[in-house]
PDB file of all heavy atoms in Angstrom:
ATOM      1  N   ASN A   1      27.561  -3.722  32.046  1.00  0.00           N
ATOM      2  CA  ASN A   1      26.197  -3.710  32.523  1.00  0.00           C
ATOM      3  C   ASN A   1      25.425  -2.463  32.064  1.00  0.00           C
ATOM      4  O   ASN A   1      24.466  -2.102  32.709  1.00  0.00           O
ATOM      5  CB  ASN A   1      26.169  -3.865  34.028  1.00  0.00           C
ATOM      6  CG  ASN A   1      26.666  -5.215  34.504  1.00  0.00           C
ATOM      7  OD1 ASN A   1      26.370  -6.215  33.918  1.00  0.00           O
ATOM      8  ND2 ASN A   1      27.456  -5.223  35.551  1.00  0.00           N
ATOM      9  N   ILE A   2      25.942  -1.830  31.027  1.00  0.00           N
ATOM     10  CA  ILE A   2      25.322  -0.586  30.610  1.00  0.00           C
ATOM     11  C   ILE A   2      23.941  -0.834  30.014  1.00  0.00           C
ATOM     12  O   ILE A   2      23.749  -1.685  29.178  1.00  0.00           O
ATOM     13  CB  ILE A   2      26.237   0.149  29.598  1.00  0.00           C
ATOM     14  CG1 ILE A   2      27.504   0.640  30.331  1.00  0.00           C
ATOM     15  CG2 ILE A   2      25.510   1.278  28.915  1.00  0.00           C
ATOM     16  CD1 ILE A   2      28.467   1.301  29.429  1.00  0.00           C
ATOM     17  N   GLN A   3      23.006   0.017  30.410  1.00  0.00           N
ATOM     18  CA  GLN A   3      21.670   0.084  29.888  1.00  0.00           C
ATOM     19  C   GLN A   3      21.387   1.537  29.570  1.00  0.00           C
ATOM     20  O   GLN A   3      21.163   2.332  30.480  1.00  0.00           O
ATOM     21  CB  GLN A   3      20.587  -0.329  30.946  1.00  0.00           C
ATOM     22  CG  GLN A   3      20.589  -1.717  31.387  1.00  0.00           C
ATOM     23  CD  GLN A   3      19.556  -1.855  32.529  1.00  0.00           C
ATOM     24  OE1 GLN A   3      19.895  -2.284  33.538  1.00  0.00           O
ATOM     25  NE2 GLN A   3      18.309  -1.529  32.239  1.00  0.00           N
ATOM     26  N   GLN A   4      21.505   1.890  28.311  1.00  0.00           N
ATOM     27  CA  GLN A   4      21.238   3.286  27.976  1.00  0.00           C
ATOM     28  C   GLN A   4      21.215   3.491  26.475  1.00  0.00           C
ATOM     29  O   GLN A   4      21.700   2.640  25.701  1.00  0.00           O
ATOM     30  CB  GLN A   4      22.235   4.234  28.595  1.00  0.00           C
ATOM     31  CG  GLN A   4      23.648   4.221  27.927  1.00  0.00           C
ATOM     32  CD  GLN A   4      24.593   5.140  28.602  1.00  0.00           C
ATOM     33  OE1 GLN A   4      25.309   4.713  29.498  1.00  0.00           O
ATOM     34  NE2 GLN A   4      24.685   6.346  28.165  1.00  0.00           N
ATOM     35  N   LYS A   5      20.580   4.574  26.107  1.00  0.00           N
ATOM     36  CA  LYS A   5      20.651   4.995  24.720  1.00  0.00           C
ATOM     37  C   LYS A   5      21.768   6.047  24.614  1.00  0.00           C
ATOM     38  O   LYS A   5      21.804   6.969  25.379  1.00  0.00           O
ATOM     39  CB  LYS A   5      19.357   5.633  24.252  1.00  0.00           C
ATOM     40  CG  LYS A   5      19.379   6.088  22.843  1.00  0.00           C
ATOM     41  CD  LYS A   5      18.096   6.618  22.324  1.00  0.00           C
ATOM     42  CE  LYS A   5      18.189   6.968  20.848  1.00  0.00           C
ATOM     43  NZ  LYS A   5      17.033   7.656  20.327  1.00  0.00           N
ATOM     44  N   ILE A   6      22.653   5.823  23.709  1.00  0.00           N
ATOM     45  CA  ILE A   6      23.781   6.718  23.497  1.00  0.00           C
ATOM     46  C   ILE A   6      23.596   7.463  22.199  1.00  0.00           C
ATOM     47  O   ILE A   6      23.467   6.839  21.110  1.00  0.00           O
ATOM     48  CB  ILE A   6      25.131   5.974  23.465  1.00  0.00           C
ATOM     49  CG1 ILE A   6      25.287   5.183  24.801  1.00  0.00           C
ATOM     50  CG2 ILE A   6      26.303   6.900  23.191  1.00  0.00           C
ATOM     51  CD1 ILE A   6      26.429   4.161  24.757  1.00  0.00           C
ATOM     52  N   ASP A   7      23.451   8.794  22.289  1.00  0.00           N
ATOM     53  CA  ASP A   7      23.246   9.572  21.067  1.00  0.00           C
ATOM     54  C   ASP A   7      24.538   9.607  20.289  1.00  0.00           C
ATOM     55  O   ASP A   7      25.633   9.883  20.872  1.00  0.00           O
ATOM     56  CB  ASP A   7      22.734  10.992  21.440  1.00  0.00           C
ATOM     57  CG  ASP A   7      21.351  10.939  22.019  1.00  0.00           C
ATOM     58  OD1 ASP A   7      20.539  10.100  21.547  1.00  0.00           O
ATOM     59  OD2 ASP A   7      21.052  11.669  22.968  1.00  0.00           O
ATOM     60  N   GLY A   8      24.468   9.501  18.977  1.00  0.00           N
ATOM     61  CA  GLY A   8      25.622   9.500  18.106  1.00  0.00           C
ATOM     62  C   GLY A   8      25.816  10.818  17.416  1.00  0.00           C
ATOM     63  O   GLY A   8      25.592  11.790  17.997  1.00  0.00           O
ATOM     64  N   PRO A   9      26.272  10.782  16.198  1.00  0.00           N
ATOM     65  CA  PRO A   9      26.139   9.642  15.335  1.00  0.00           C
ATOM     66  C   PRO A   9      27.279   8.617  15.567  1.00  0.00           C
ATOM     67  O   PRO A   9      28.375   9.133  15.883  1.00  0.00           O
ATOM     68  CB  PRO A   9      26.162  10.209  13.921  1.00  0.00           C
ATOM     69  CG  PRO A   9      26.990  11.463  14.071  1.00  0.00           C
ATOM     70  CD  PRO A   9      26.781  11.973  15.452  1.00  0.00           C
ATOM     71  N   PRO A  10      27.028   7.397  15.326  1.00  0.00           N
ATOM     72  CA  PRO A  10      25.743   6.748  15.212  1.00  0.00           C
ATOM     73  C   PRO A  10      25.112   6.593  16.564  1.00  0.00           C
ATOM     74  O   PRO A  10      25.817   6.613  17.586  1.00  0.00           O
ATOM     75  CB  PRO A  10      26.084   5.409  14.586  1.00  0.00           C
ATOM     76  CG  PRO A  10      27.466   5.103  15.076  1.00  0.00           C
ATOM     77  CD  PRO A  10      28.164   6.419  15.187  1.00  0.00           C
ATOM     78  N   SER A  11      23.839   6.454  16.635  1.00  0.00           N
ATOM     79  CA  SER A  11      23.155   6.246  17.901  1.00  0.00           C
ATOM     80  C   SER A  11      23.275   4.777  18.296  1.00  0.00           C
ATOM     81  O   SER A  11      23.442   3.924  17.421  1.00  0.00           O
ATOM     82  CB  SER A  11      21.739   6.766  17.907  1.00  0.00           C
ATOM     83  OG  SER A  11      21.017   6.040  16.963  1.00  0.00           O
ATOM     84  N   LEU A  12      23.154   4.482  19.519  1.00  0.00           N
ATOM     85  CA  LEU A  12      23.366   3.130  20.065  1.00  0.00           C
ATOM     86  C   LEU A  12      22.459   2.902  21.251  1.00  0.00           C
ATOM     87  O   LEU A  12      22.314   3.765  22.099  1.00  0.00           O
ATOM     88  CB  LEU A  12      24.862   2.971  20.439  1.00  0.00           C
ATOM     89  CG  LEU A  12      25.285   1.672  21.134  1.00  0.00           C
ATOM     90  CD1 LEU A  12      25.140   0.494  20.214  1.00  0.00           C
ATOM     91  CD2 LEU A  12      26.737   1.823  21.577  1.00  0.00           C
ATOM     92  N   ILE A  13      21.809   1.758  21.268  1.00  0.00           N
ATOM     93  CA  ILE A  13      21.006   1.370  22.456  1.00  0.00           C
ATOM     94  C   ILE A  13      21.656   0.078  23.015  1.00  0.00           C
ATOM     95  O   ILE A  13      21.889  -0.885  22.301  1.00  0.00           O
ATOM     96  CB  ILE A  13      19.578   1.073  22.060  1.00  0.00           C
ATOM     97  CG1 ILE A  13      18.903   2.337  21.503  1.00  0.00           C
ATOM     98  CG2 ILE A  13      18.816   0.562  23.280  1.00  0.00           C
ATOM     99  CD1 ILE A  13      17.493   2.127  20.922  1.00  0.00           C
ATOM    100  N   LEU A  14      21.948   0.128  24.331  1.00  0.00           N
ATOM    101  CA  LEU A  14      22.574  -1.020  25.020  1.00  0.00           C
ATOM    102  C   LEU A  14      21.662  -1.440  26.192  1.00  0.00           C
ATOM    103  O   LEU A  14      21.175  -0.614  26.864  1.00  0.00           O
ATOM    104  CB  LEU A  14      23.934  -0.677  25.530  1.00  0.00           C
ATOM    105  CG  LEU A  14      24.989  -0.515  24.447  1.00  0.00           C
ATOM    106  CD1 LEU A  14      26.235   0.025  25.015  1.00  0.00           C
ATOM    107  CD2 LEU A  14      25.274  -1.813  23.785  1.00  0.00           C
ATOM    108  N   PRO A  15      21.461  -2.761  26.329  1.00  0.00           N
ATOM    109  CA  PRO A  15      21.835  -3.803  25.395  1.00  0.00           C
ATOM    110  C   PRO A  15      21.039  -3.660  24.112  1.00  0.00           C
ATOM    111  O   PRO A  15      20.070  -2.915  24.013  1.00  0.00           O
ATOM    112  CB  PRO A  15      21.477  -5.071  26.111  1.00  0.00           C
ATOM    113  CG  PRO A  15      20.417  -4.725  27.085  1.00  0.00           C
ATOM    114  CD  PRO A  15      20.680  -3.315  27.479  1.00  0.00           C
ATOM    115  N   HIS A  16      21.534  -4.344  23.048  1.00  0.00           N
ATOM    116  CA  HIS A  16      20.826  -4.284  21.755  1.00  0.00           C
ATOM    117  C   HIS A  16      19.342  -4.595  22.004  1.00  0.00           C
ATOM    118  O   HIS A  16      18.982  -5.569  22.704  1.00  0.00           O
ATOM    119  CB  HIS A  16      21.448  -5.310  20.814  1.00  0.00           C
ATOM    120  CG  HIS A  16      20.977  -5.213  19.435  1.00  0.00           C
ATOM    121  ND1 HIS A  16      19.710  -5.620  19.027  1.00  0.00           N
ATOM    122  CD2 HIS A  16      21.628  -4.721  18.308  1.00  0.00           C
ATOM    123  CE1 HIS A  16      19.545  -5.419  17.742  1.00  0.00           C
ATOM    124  NE2 HIS A  16      20.695  -4.857  17.271  1.00  0.00           N
ATOM    125  N   PRO A  17      18.445  -3.778  21.440  1.00  0.00           N
ATOM    126  CA  PRO A  17      16.996  -3.921  21.742  1.00  0.00           C
ATOM    127  C   PRO A  17      16.354  -5.229  21.366  1.00  0.00           C
ATOM    128  O   PRO A  17      15.301  -5.572  21.881  1.00  0.00           O
ATOM    129  CB  PRO A  17      16.381  -2.740  21.061  1.00  0.00           C
ATOM    130  CG  PRO A  17      17.392  -2.164  20.147  1.00  0.00           C
ATOM    131  CD  PRO A  17      18.697  -2.646  20.604  1.00  0.00           C
ATOM    132  N   GLU A  18      16.943  -5.973  20.422  1.00  0.00           N
ATOM    133  CA  GLU A  18      16.371  -7.241  19.985  1.00  0.00           C
ATOM    134  C   GLU A  18      17.073  -8.460  20.551  1.00  0.00           C
ATOM    135  O   GLU A  18      16.745  -9.631  20.235  1.00  0.00           O
ATOM    136  CB  GLU A  18      16.432  -7.287  18.458  1.00  0.00           C
ATOM    137  CG  GLU A  18      15.674  -6.171  17.757  1.00  0.00           C
ATOM    138  CD  GLU A  18      14.180  -6.169  18.036  1.00  0.00           C
ATOM    139  OE1 GLU A  18      13.568  -7.258  17.950  1.00  0.00           O
ATOM    140  OE2 GLU A  18      13.604  -5.075  18.275  1.00  0.00           O
ATOM    141  N   ILE A  19      18.037  -8.247  21.440  1.00  0.00           N
ATOM    142  CA  ILE A  19      18.912  -9.325  21.879  1.00  0.00           C
ATOM    143  C   ILE A  19      18.119 -10.521  22.479  1.00  0.00           C
ATOM    144  O   ILE A  19      18.451 -11.659  22.295  1.00  0.00           O
ATOM    145  CB  ILE A  19      19.982  -8.841  22.876  1.00  0.00           C
ATOM    146  CG1 ILE A  19      21.028  -9.866  23.147  1.00  0.00           C
ATOM    147  CG2 ILE A  19      19.342  -8.292  24.117  1.00  0.00           C
ATOM    148  CD1 ILE A  19      22.222  -9.303  23.939  1.00  0.00           C
ATOM    149  N   HIS A  20      17.132 -10.221  23.229  1.00  0.00           N
ATOM    150  CA  HIS A  20      16.344 -11.234  23.929  1.00  0.00           C
ATOM    151  C   HIS A  20      15.249 -11.905  23.074  1.00  0.00           C
ATOM    152  O   HIS A  20      14.581 -12.824  23.542  1.00  0.00           O
ATOM    153  CB  HIS A  20      15.696 -10.646  25.212  1.00  0.00           C
ATOM    154  CG  HIS A  20      14.663  -9.577  24.943  1.00  0.00           C
ATOM    155  ND1 HIS A  20      15.048  -8.386  24.393  1.00  0.00           N
ATOM    156  CD2 HIS A  20      13.364  -9.583  25.099  1.00  0.00           C
ATOM    157  CE1 HIS A  20      13.922  -7.634  24.254  1.00  0.00           C
ATOM    158  NE2 HIS A  20      12.911  -8.362  24.640  1.00  0.00           N
ATOM    159  N   LYS A  21      15.156 -11.496  21.816  1.00  0.00           N
ATOM    160  CA  LYS A  21      14.097 -12.054  20.915  1.00  0.00           C
ATOM    161  C   LYS A  21      14.654 -12.879  19.798  1.00  0.00           C
ATOM    162  O   LYS A  21      13.942 -13.320  18.931  1.00  0.00           O
ATOM    163  CB  LYS A  21      13.335 -10.858  20.260  1.00  0.00           C
ATOM    164  CG  LYS A  21      12.631 -10.015  21.240  1.00  0.00           C
ATOM    165  CD  LYS A  21      11.968  -8.821  20.493  1.00  0.00           C
ATOM    166  CE  LYS A  21      11.307  -7.861  21.476  1.00  0.00           C
ATOM    167  NZ  LYS A  21      10.765  -6.693  20.727  1.00  0.00           N
ATOM    168  N   ARG A  22      16.017 -13.051  19.751  1.00  0.00           N
ATOM    169  CA  ARG A  22      16.650 -13.642  18.579  1.00  0.00           C
ATOM    170  C   ARG A  22      17.480 -14.898  18.981  1.00  0.00           C
ATOM    171  O   ARG A  22      18.473 -14.809  19.702  1.00  0.00           O
ATOM    172  CB  ARG A  22      17.620 -12.668  17.943  1.00  0.00           C
ATOM    173  CG  ARG A  22      16.925 -11.355  17.541  1.00  0.00           C
ATOM    174  CD  ARG A  22      15.973 -11.569  16.368  1.00  0.00           C
ATOM    175  NE  ARG A  22      15.556 -10.293  15.810  1.00  0.00           N
ATOM    176  CZ  ARG A  22      14.290  -9.960  15.671  1.00  0.00           C
ATOM    177  NH1 ARG A  22      13.300 -10.799  16.135  1.00  0.00           N
ATOM    178  NH2 ARG A  22      13.957  -8.837  15.120  1.00  0.00           N
ATOM    179  N   ALA A  23      17.008 -16.050  18.560  1.00  0.00           N
ATOM    180  CA  ALA A  23      17.705 -17.320  18.838  1.00  0.00           C
ATOM    181  C   ALA A  23      19.150 -17.252  18.296  1.00  0.00           C
ATOM    182  O   ALA A  23      20.074 -17.816  18.924  1.00  0.00           O
ATOM    183  CB  ALA A  23      16.966 -18.544  18.222  1.00  0.00           C
ATOM    184  N   PHE A  24      19.315 -16.589  17.127  1.00  0.00           N
ATOM    185  CA  PHE A  24      20.662 -16.566  16.541  1.00  0.00           C
ATOM    186  C   PHE A  24      21.632 -15.720  17.320  1.00  0.00           C
ATOM    187  O   PHE A  24      22.862 -15.736  17.088  1.00  0.00           O
ATOM    188  CB  PHE A  24      20.611 -16.103  15.036  1.00  0.00           C
ATOM    189  CG  PHE A  24      20.147 -14.728  14.845  1.00  0.00           C
ATOM    190  CD1 PHE A  24      20.944 -13.595  14.978  1.00  0.00           C
ATOM    191  CD2 PHE A  24      18.815 -14.549  14.447  1.00  0.00           C
ATOM    192  CE1 PHE A  24      20.453 -12.341  14.747  1.00  0.00           C
ATOM    193  CE2 PHE A  24      18.319 -13.235  14.179  1.00  0.00           C
ATOM    194  CZ  PHE A  24      19.157 -12.122  14.384  1.00  0.00           C
TER     195      PHE A  24
END
């Protein structure tokens, strides 16, 4: 259930920022 930006490298945003916009 993580919601956060994780500084890297590499950096990571959870959930993926486009997850709710992509049918695929």
